[in-house]
């Protein structure tokens, strides 16, 4: 249950620990008492004993567990900082994520049909960022511990595809070659059709010897591509991604939806909103997550601020037969949003901005008469603020579909359907 009982009390127990009743979960996934203290790894309606340090509860012991409490499936859960909600049932987490969206909308007096959350399966994350550093005995690669800079050597992970963990051997080798004893490497690993795509930051400056040694690792570990800071060291086989029928070669560090399943959930929802529109505007298009599949039935104009991602989209379109016409432009939509007269020639738009939302562009959309908007967001708070602008201008928020690609985390993605009344 998301709503705790109203009988909230706090008493002193015999060993000097205080007892608290957890009232609700905050947006970061921590339990919160009536007094406003934060209790990680707790659930609503649970009674706990704990020591208080400022606003945080420490040394927490569960006295009366929630019916939604489950055994965490990952042995690293208590130490690794990647997950915050493995102690909660899947049904609870899905309902909680929808409730976060509901509360964000309520702050702007908005209500709509909130569809049940679509959750990606376990072992489905196709991208992860590892932290790696040199040690006295060699190298260490893994994920950060909870609220710490300590690196945990993860042997198994219930979130990521197994092949991502297989990259650890290559990461160790790269760390020994390219990290100083004081530096920390960030290694982004992405699964692709051709193998693993690694992008490394925080390493030594490139020279000829290091570049040669790094290139040898690409062959040794059968990597698809290795990027060191902004330099592509070697490409053994192009690490393409499939967007519809198109095969896209994203530039290093390009945005990619976390799971293929989540990407499909978002895409199906967008298509259901766009319907039979013949001309579609794709704002913040990236490499074509939505644009390329939509080109099966509609002409698309894609707008993106990153020129390398725009080139990747264009190349994929040109190399895929049978798609409808694509036009595109590289444009900073924060500084130069499309204006109402530019929007007028489209029947529908997809907008998928970064976490900050798209106030400047949404304000221009609100001035126009574009009939249908599919708004994809990774931040319910900024989405709700933008939704309020659209609704004040005459749009109706028909429904919101919550999508959980970051299982057991506090991250939430969604698609909102807007129709001009």
Protein backbone atom coordinates (compact mmCIF):
# COMPACT_ATOMS: atom_id res chain seq x y z
CA UNK A 1 0.00 0.00 0.00
CA UNK A 2 1.18 3.51 -0.77
CA UNK A 3 -0.91 5.26 1.89
CA UNK A 4 0.10 4.55 5.52
CA UNK A 5 -2.33 4.64 8.40
CA UNK A 6 -3.09 8.04 9.95
CA UNK A 7 -2.06 6.90 13.42
CA UNK A 8 1.55 8.11 13.37
CA UNK A 9 3.48 8.02 16.62
CA UNK A 10 7.04 8.12 17.86
CA UNK A 11 8.16 6.54 21.14
CA UNK A 12 11.40 5.93 23.01
CA UNK A 13 12.43 2.30 23.40
CA UNK A 14 14.44 0.71 26.17
CA UNK A 15 17.81 0.67 24.40
CA UNK A 16 17.92 4.36 23.51
CA UNK A 17 16.81 3.93 19.90
CA UNK A 18 13.81 5.89 18.68
CA UNK A 19 10.88 4.23 16.93
CA UNK A 20 9.34 5.74 13.82
CA UNK A 21 6.51 4.89 11.47
CA UNK A 22 7.34 5.38 7.80
CA UNK A 23 4.68 7.55 6.21
CA UNK A 24 5.62 7.61 2.53
CA UNK A 25 8.43 7.36 -0.01
CA UNK A 26 10.18 10.48 -1.24
CA UNK A 27 11.01 11.02 -4.90
CA UNK A 28 14.48 9.50 -4.37
CA UNK A 29 12.98 6.29 -3.00
CA UNK A 30 13.81 6.83 0.69
CA UNK A 31 11.17 6.29 3.34
CA UNK A 32 10.03 9.49 5.08
CA UNK A 33 8.55 9.71 8.58
CA UNK A 34 5.82 12.13 9.65
CA UNK A 35 8.54 14.27 11.21
CA UNK A 36 10.28 14.50 7.82
CA UNK A 37 13.26 12.24 8.60
CA UNK A 38 14.70 10.16 5.79
CA UNK A 39 15.02 6.38 6.18
CA UNK A 40 16.65 4.54 3.25
CA UNK A 41 15.53 1.01 2.37
CA UNK A 42 12.21 1.33 4.18
CA UNK A 43 8.62 1.22 2.96
CA UNK A 44 5.37 2.96 3.92
CA UNK A 45 3.61 1.59 7.01
CA UNK A 46 6.80 0.02 8.37
CA UNK A 47 7.74 0.67 11.97
CA UNK A 48 11.50 0.97 12.47
CA UNK A 49 13.98 1.70 15.23
CA UNK A 50 16.87 3.98 14.36
CA UNK A 51 19.33 6.62 15.47
CA UNK A 52 18.85 10.11 14.08
CA UNK A 53 21.62 12.24 12.61
CA UNK A 54 20.10 15.54 11.52
CA UNK A 55 17.38 14.70 9.02
CA UNK A 56 18.65 11.16 8.37
CA UNK A 57 17.95 7.91 10.23
CA UNK A 58 20.88 5.55 10.75
CA UNK A 59 21.33 1.98 12.03
CA UNK A 60 17.79 1.20 10.94
CA UNK A 61 16.09 -1.98 12.09
CA UNK A 62 12.75 -3.06 10.67
CA UNK A 63 10.35 -3.85 13.52
CA UNK A 64 7.15 -4.35 11.52
CA UNK A 65 7.82 -5.04 7.83
CA UNK A 66 5.44 -4.04 5.07
CA UNK A 67 3.54 -6.69 3.15
CA UNK A 68 5.31 -5.27 0.09
CA UNK A 69 8.78 -6.03 1.46
CA UNK A 70 10.61 -8.78 -0.47
CA UNK A 71 14.04 -10.39 -0.42
CA UNK A 72 16.34 -8.38 -2.74
CA UNK A 73 17.23 -10.52 -5.78
CA UNK A 74 20.79 -9.17 -6.05
CA UNK A 75 23.47 -10.13 -3.50
CA UNK A 76 25.13 -6.73 -3.99
CA UNK A 77 22.02 -4.72 -3.13
CA UNK A 78 23.08 -3.50 0.31
CA UNK A 79 26.52 -2.40 -0.86
CA UNK A 80 26.01 -1.27 -4.46
CA UNK A 81 24.53 2.17 -5.08
CA UNK A 82 22.84 1.27 -8.35
CA UNK A 83 19.46 0.22 -6.94
CA UNK A 84 17.34 1.72 -4.16
CA UNK A 85 14.13 -0.35 -4.28
CA UNK A 86 15.02 -4.03 -4.59
CA UNK A 87 13.48 -4.56 -1.15
CA UNK A 88 10.03 -3.69 -2.56
CA UNK A 89 7.72 -5.86 -4.63
CA UNK A 90 7.51 -5.19 -8.36
CA UNK A 91 3.85 -4.24 -8.01
CA UNK A 92 4.67 -1.69 -5.31
CA UNK A 93 7.49 -0.10 -7.32
CA UNK A 94 5.33 0.16 -10.44
CA UNK A 95 2.48 1.77 -8.51
CA UNK A 96 4.87 4.11 -6.68
CA UNK A 97 6.37 5.37 -9.94
CA UNK A 98 2.90 6.15 -11.27
CA UNK A 99 2.14 7.95 -7.99
CA UNK A 100 5.23 10.15 -8.45
CA UNK A 101 3.86 11.23 -11.83
CA UNK A 102 0.43 11.85 -10.27
CA UNK A 103 1.93 14.04 -7.54
CA UNK A 104 4.04 16.02 -10.03
CA UNK A 105 0.94 16.78 -12.10
CA UNK A 106 -1.09 17.64 -8.99
CA UNK A 107 1.32 20.47 -8.14
CA UNK A 108 -0.01 22.16 -11.30
CA UNK A 109 -3.63 21.11 -10.67
CA UNK A 110 -3.52 18.62 -13.52
CA UNK A 111 -5.23 15.25 -13.63
CA UNK A 112 -5.36 12.65 -16.39
CA UNK A 113 -5.63 8.94 -17.12
CA UNK A 114 -2.47 7.38 -15.66
CA UNK A 115 -1.88 4.06 -17.36
CA UNK A 116 -0.20 1.17 -15.50
CA UNK A 117 3.59 1.29 -15.54
CA UNK A 118 5.46 -0.73 -18.17
CA UNK A 119 8.60 -2.19 -16.58
CA UNK A 120 11.64 -3.51 -18.43
CA UNK A 121 12.68 -7.05 -17.47
CA UNK A 122 15.70 -8.01 -15.41
CA UNK A 123 19.06 -8.33 -17.19
CA UNK A 124 17.92 -5.89 -19.90
CA UNK A 125 20.01 -2.72 -19.46
CA UNK A 126 22.16 -2.42 -22.59
CA UNK A 127 24.38 0.40 -21.33
CA UNK A 128 26.21 0.94 -18.06
CA UNK A 129 29.00 3.20 -16.84
CA UNK A 130 31.73 1.52 -14.81
CA UNK A 131 34.17 3.28 -12.52
CA UNK A 132 37.75 1.99 -12.67
CA UNK A 133 40.99 2.87 -10.91
CA UNK A 134 44.49 1.57 -10.40
CA UNK A 135 45.29 -0.30 -7.20
CA UNK A 136 48.49 -1.57 -5.63
CA UNK A 137 47.71 -5.04 -6.93
CA UNK A 138 46.37 -4.06 -10.34
CA UNK A 139 43.01 -2.50 -11.18
CA UNK A 140 39.46 -2.40 -9.83
CA UNK A 141 36.32 -1.90 -11.92
CA UNK A 142 32.71 -1.81 -10.78
CA UNK A 143 29.94 0.45 -9.53
CA UNK A 144 29.91 2.98 -6.70
CA UNK A 145 28.80 1.91 -3.22
CA UNK A 146 25.72 3.63 -1.79
CA UNK A 147 26.42 7.34 -1.13
CA UNK A 148 30.16 6.74 -1.49
CA UNK A 149 33.11 7.05 -3.86
CA UNK A 150 34.10 3.48 -2.98
CA UNK A 151 34.11 1.17 -6.00
CA UNK A 152 32.35 -2.19 -5.55
CA UNK A 153 33.57 -5.11 -7.66
CA UNK A 154 30.27 -6.46 -8.98
CA UNK A 155 30.30 -10.16 -9.86
CA UNK A 156 26.67 -10.29 -10.90
CA UNK A 157 24.03 -7.66 -11.65
CA UNK A 158 20.32 -8.29 -12.03
CA UNK A 159 19.89 -5.13 -14.11
CA UNK A 160 22.38 -5.27 -16.98
CA UNK A 161 22.81 -7.63 -19.87
CA UNK A 162 25.41 -10.28 -18.93
CA UNK A 163 27.74 -9.20 -21.73
CA UNK A 164 28.22 -5.81 -20.07
CA UNK A 165 29.89 -7.48 -17.10
CA UNK A 166 32.07 -9.42 -19.52
CA UNK A 167 33.65 -6.06 -20.38
CA UNK A 168 35.39 -5.98 -16.99
CA UNK A 169 38.44 -7.84 -18.29
CA UNK A 170 38.90 -5.25 -21.02
CA UNK A 171 38.29 -2.42 -18.54
CA UNK A 172 40.99 -3.80 -16.22
CA UNK A 173 43.46 -3.86 -19.12
CA UNK A 174 42.56 -0.34 -20.22
CA UNK A 175 42.90 0.92 -16.65
CA UNK A 176 46.40 -0.51 -16.28
CA UNK A 177 47.40 1.10 -19.56
CA UNK A 178 45.70 4.45 -19.36
CA UNK A 179 44.95 5.43 -15.76
CA UNK A 180 47.33 7.08 -13.33
CA UNK A 181 47.30 6.08 -9.65
CA UNK A 182 45.40 9.28 -8.85
CA UNK A 183 42.89 9.24 -11.71
CA UNK A 184 39.52 7.53 -11.92
CA UNK A 185 38.23 6.25 -15.24
CA UNK A 186 34.61 6.37 -16.30
CA UNK A 187 33.96 3.63 -18.85
CA UNK A 188 30.63 3.69 -20.67
CA UNK A 189 29.88 0.26 -22.10
CA UNK A 190 27.11 -0.24 -24.65
CA UNK A 191 25.86 -3.46 -26.18
CA UNK A 192 25.61 -3.32 -29.97
CA UNK A 193 24.90 -5.74 -32.78
CA UNK A 194 28.65 -5.96 -33.43
CA UNK A 195 29.86 -6.28 -29.85
CA UNK A 196 30.74 -3.97 -27.00
CA UNK A 197 31.20 -0.25 -27.61
CA UNK A 198 33.46 1.38 -24.97
CA UNK A 199 33.93 5.11 -24.35
CA UNK A 200 36.48 6.10 -21.71
CA UNK A 201 36.96 9.41 -19.93
CA UNK A 202 39.37 10.50 -17.19
CA UNK A 203 42.45 8.73 -18.56
CA UNK A 204 45.97 9.80 -19.49
CA UNK A 205 46.52 12.12 -22.43
CA UNK A 206 46.98 10.24 -25.67
CA UNK A 207 50.39 9.81 -27.22
CA UNK A 208 51.49 7.46 -29.98
CA UNK A 209 52.55 4.67 -27.61
CA UNK A 210 49.32 4.76 -25.61
CA UNK A 211 47.17 4.93 -28.74
CA UNK A 212 48.95 1.88 -30.19
CA UNK A 213 48.57 -0.07 -26.97
CA UNK A 214 44.88 0.81 -26.69
CA UNK A 215 44.24 -0.23 -30.29
CA UNK A 216 45.73 -3.63 -29.51
CA UNK A 217 43.17 -4.10 -26.74
CA UNK A 218 40.35 -3.62 -29.24
CA UNK A 219 41.53 -6.71 -31.11
CA UNK A 220 42.47 -8.66 -28.00
CA UNK A 221 39.03 -8.31 -26.40
CA UNK A 222 37.05 -8.22 -29.67
CA UNK A 223 35.59 -4.80 -28.91
CA UNK A 224 33.41 -3.20 -31.56
CA UNK A 225 34.77 0.29 -30.91
CA UNK A 226 36.96 2.08 -28.38
CA UNK A 227 36.80 5.82 -27.77
CA UNK A 228 39.29 7.58 -25.48
CA UNK A 229 37.94 10.94 -24.36
CA UNK A 230 36.93 12.46 -27.74
CA UNK A 231 39.20 10.30 -29.93
CA UNK A 232 38.05 7.10 -31.59
CA UNK A 233 40.99 4.73 -31.11
CA UNK A 234 39.79 1.88 -33.30
CA UNK A 235 36.66 0.37 -34.83
CA UNK A 236 36.81 -3.39 -35.31
CA UNK A 237 33.17 -3.60 -36.39
CA UNK A 238 30.64 -0.75 -36.52
CA UNK A 239 28.57 -0.76 -33.28
CA UNK A 240 25.23 -0.11 -34.96
CA UNK A 241 21.85 0.10 -33.24
CA UNK A 242 18.50 -0.76 -34.83
CA UNK A 243 15.78 1.88 -34.92
CA UNK A 244 12.96 0.25 -36.83
CA UNK A 245 14.46 -1.19 -40.01
CA UNK A 246 17.27 1.35 -40.04
CA UNK A 247 20.76 0.59 -38.77
CA UNK A 248 22.31 3.59 -37.01
CA UNK A 249 25.94 4.11 -36.03
CA UNK A 250 25.64 6.47 -33.04
CA UNK A 251 28.59 8.73 -32.29
CA UNK A 252 30.43 7.96 -29.03
CA UNK A 253 28.51 9.05 -25.92
CA UNK A 254 25.29 9.57 -27.95
CA UNK A 255 22.01 9.21 -26.09
CA UNK A 256 20.44 5.76 -26.20
CA UNK A 257 17.38 4.47 -24.38
CA UNK A 258 18.48 2.26 -21.48
CA UNK A 259 16.71 -0.93 -22.60
CA UNK A 260 15.43 -2.15 -25.94
CA UNK A 261 12.17 -3.17 -24.25
CA UNK A 262 11.69 0.30 -22.78
CA UNK A 263 12.48 1.89 -26.13
CA UNK A 264 9.76 -0.22 -27.75
CA UNK A 265 7.27 0.71 -25.02
CA UNK A 266 7.95 4.39 -25.62
CA UNK A 267 7.79 3.98 -29.40
CA UNK A 268 4.49 2.06 -29.36
CA UNK A 269 2.95 4.73 -27.16
CA UNK A 270 4.21 7.54 -29.42
CA UNK A 271 2.82 5.79 -32.51
CA UNK A 272 -0.56 5.35 -30.80
CA UNK A 273 -0.65 9.10 -30.12
CA UNK A 274 0.57 10.24 -33.53
CA UNK A 275 -1.93 7.97 -35.28
CA UNK A 276 -2.16 8.48 -39.02
CA UNK A 277 -0.37 11.83 -39.21
CA UNK A 278 1.33 12.23 -42.56
CA UNK A 279 3.84 14.91 -41.52
CA UNK A 280 5.57 14.67 -38.14
CA UNK A 281 8.02 16.98 -36.37
CA UNK A 282 10.58 15.22 -34.14
CA UNK A 283 12.11 17.66 -31.63
CA UNK A 284 15.28 16.67 -29.75
CA UNK A 285 15.42 13.75 -32.18
CA UNK A 286 18.84 12.36 -31.26
CA UNK A 287 19.97 9.67 -33.71
CA UNK A 288 16.40 8.79 -34.69
CA UNK A 289 14.87 6.66 -31.94
CA UNK A 290 11.41 7.85 -33.02
CA UNK A 291 12.09 9.52 -36.38
CA UNK A 292 13.34 6.43 -38.19
CA UNK A 293 10.46 4.09 -37.23
CA UNK A 294 7.94 6.88 -37.93
CA UNK A 295 9.37 7.23 -41.45
CA UNK A 296 7.63 3.96 -42.31
CA UNK A 297 4.31 5.84 -42.56
CA UNK A 298 5.01 9.58 -42.33
CA UNK A 299 7.34 12.26 -43.57
CA UNK A 300 9.48 13.49 -40.69
CA UNK A 301 11.40 16.68 -39.97
CA UNK A 302 13.99 16.01 -37.25
CA UNK A 303 15.59 18.73 -35.14
CA UNK A 304 18.56 18.09 -32.85
CA UNK A 305 21.30 20.26 -31.34
CA UNK A 306 24.12 17.74 -31.82
CA UNK A 307 25.45 17.72 -35.38
CA UNK A 308 27.09 14.29 -35.06
CA UNK A 309 23.82 12.65 -34.04
CA UNK A 310 22.10 14.45 -36.92
CA UNK A 311 24.66 13.05 -39.36
CA UNK A 312 24.13 9.55 -37.98
CA UNK A 313 20.37 9.88 -38.46
CA UNK A 314 20.72 11.18 -42.01
CA UNK A 315 23.15 8.40 -42.99
CA UNK A 316 20.86 5.69 -41.59
CA UNK A 317 17.89 7.10 -43.50
CA UNK A 318 19.81 7.24 -46.78
CA UNK A 319 20.98 3.64 -46.38
CA UNK A 320 17.50 2.24 -45.62
CA UNK A 321 15.22 1.69 -48.59
CA UNK A 322 11.48 2.20 -48.51
CA UNK A 323 11.31 4.99 -45.93
CA UNK A 324 9.42 8.21 -46.53
CA UNK A 325 11.08 11.61 -46.84
CA UNK A 326 13.30 12.88 -44.00
CA UNK A 327 14.36 16.48 -43.59
CA UNK A 328 16.46 17.69 -40.68
CA UNK A 329 18.31 20.58 -39.12
CA UNK A 330 20.88 21.03 -36.40
CA UNK A 331 19.46 23.61 -34.03
CA UNK A 332 19.68 24.53 -30.34
CA UNK A 333 16.04 24.36 -29.29
CA UNK A 334 16.78 26.09 -25.99
CA UNK A 335 18.17 29.17 -27.71
CA UNK A 336 16.20 28.96 -30.98
CA UNK A 337 12.95 27.06 -30.54
CA UNK A 338 10.80 26.53 -33.61
CA UNK A 339 8.23 29.34 -33.91
CA UNK A 340 4.49 28.96 -34.60
CA UNK A 341 4.84 29.70 -38.33
CA UNK A 342 7.48 26.96 -38.59
CA UNK A 343 5.27 24.53 -36.68
CA UNK A 344 2.21 25.15 -38.82
CA UNK A 345 3.13 22.74 -41.63
CA UNK A 346 3.11 19.64 -39.40
CA UNK A 347 0.20 17.51 -38.27
CA UNK A 348 1.85 16.17 -35.11
CA UNK A 349 5.05 16.40 -33.12
CA UNK A 350 7.17 14.20 -30.91
CA UNK A 351 9.26 16.01 -28.32
CA UNK A 352 11.85 14.21 -26.19
CA UNK A 353 13.91 16.81 -24.28
CA UNK A 354 16.62 16.29 -21.64
CA UNK A 355 15.76 16.24 -17.93
CA UNK A 356 15.43 20.02 -17.73
CA UNK A 357 12.38 19.91 -19.98
CA UNK A 358 11.69 22.24 -22.89
CA UNK A 359 10.04 25.40 -21.60
CA UNK A 360 11.20 27.60 -24.47
CA UNK A 361 9.98 25.21 -27.17
CA UNK A 362 6.78 24.28 -25.32
CA UNK A 363 5.92 27.98 -24.99
CA UNK A 364 6.08 28.27 -28.78
CA UNK A 365 4.04 25.09 -29.23
CA UNK A 366 1.42 26.64 -26.95
CA UNK A 367 1.13 29.63 -29.30
CA UNK A 368 0.55 27.48 -32.38
CA UNK A 369 -2.22 25.18 -33.53
CA UNK A 370 -0.41 21.85 -33.87
CA UNK A 371 -3.12 19.32 -33.16
CA UNK A 372 -1.24 16.42 -31.56
CA UNK A 373 1.84 16.29 -29.29
CA UNK A 374 3.54 13.18 -27.96
CA UNK A 375 5.79 14.35 -25.13
CA UNK A 376 8.47 11.88 -24.00
CA UNK A 377 10.11 12.75 -20.68
CA UNK A 378 12.61 11.36 -18.18
CA UNK A 379 11.60 13.83 -15.45
CA UNK A 380 8.02 14.01 -14.13
CA UNK A 381 8.68 17.40 -12.51
CA UNK A 382 9.81 19.22 -15.66
CA UNK A 383 7.16 17.35 -17.67
CA UNK A 384 4.40 18.57 -15.36
CA UNK A 385 5.62 22.17 -15.64
CA UNK A 386 5.62 21.97 -19.44
CA UNK A 387 2.25 20.19 -19.43
CA UNK A 388 0.77 23.08 -17.46
CA UNK A 389 1.87 25.52 -20.18
CA UNK A 390 0.23 23.42 -22.89
CA UNK A 391 -2.98 22.84 -20.94
CA UNK A 392 -3.31 26.56 -20.18
CA UNK A 393 -3.13 27.18 -23.94
CA UNK A 394 -6.02 24.82 -24.72
CA UNK A 395 -4.39 21.40 -24.97
CA UNK A 396 -5.95 18.41 -23.22
CA UNK A 397 -3.64 15.91 -21.53
CA UNK A 398 -5.38 12.71 -22.60
CA UNK A 399 -3.19 10.20 -20.77
CA UNK A 400 0.28 9.51 -19.41
CA UNK A 401 2.06 6.22 -19.91
CA UNK A 402 4.78 5.60 -17.31
CA UNK A 403 7.74 3.49 -18.46
CA UNK A 404 10.32 2.02 -16.08
CA UNK A 405 13.59 1.31 -17.88
CA UNK A 406 15.63 1.85 -14.71
CA UNK A 407 14.21 -0.96 -12.65
CA UNK A 408 14.49 -0.61 -8.84
CA UNK A 409 15.74 2.97 -9.17
CA UNK A 410 13.98 6.29 -8.60
CA UNK A 411 14.24 7.17 -12.30
CA UNK A 412 10.98 7.47 -14.22
CA UNK A 413 10.21 7.90 -17.91
CA UNK A 414 6.85 8.64 -19.44
CA UNK A 415 4.92 9.63 -22.53
CA UNK A 416 2.16 12.24 -22.36
CA UNK A 417 -0.53 12.54 -25.05
CA UNK A 418 -1.74 16.10 -25.78
CA UNK A 419 -4.59 17.02 -28.10
CA UNK A 420 -5.57 20.59 -28.98
CA UNK A 421 -9.20 21.14 -28.07
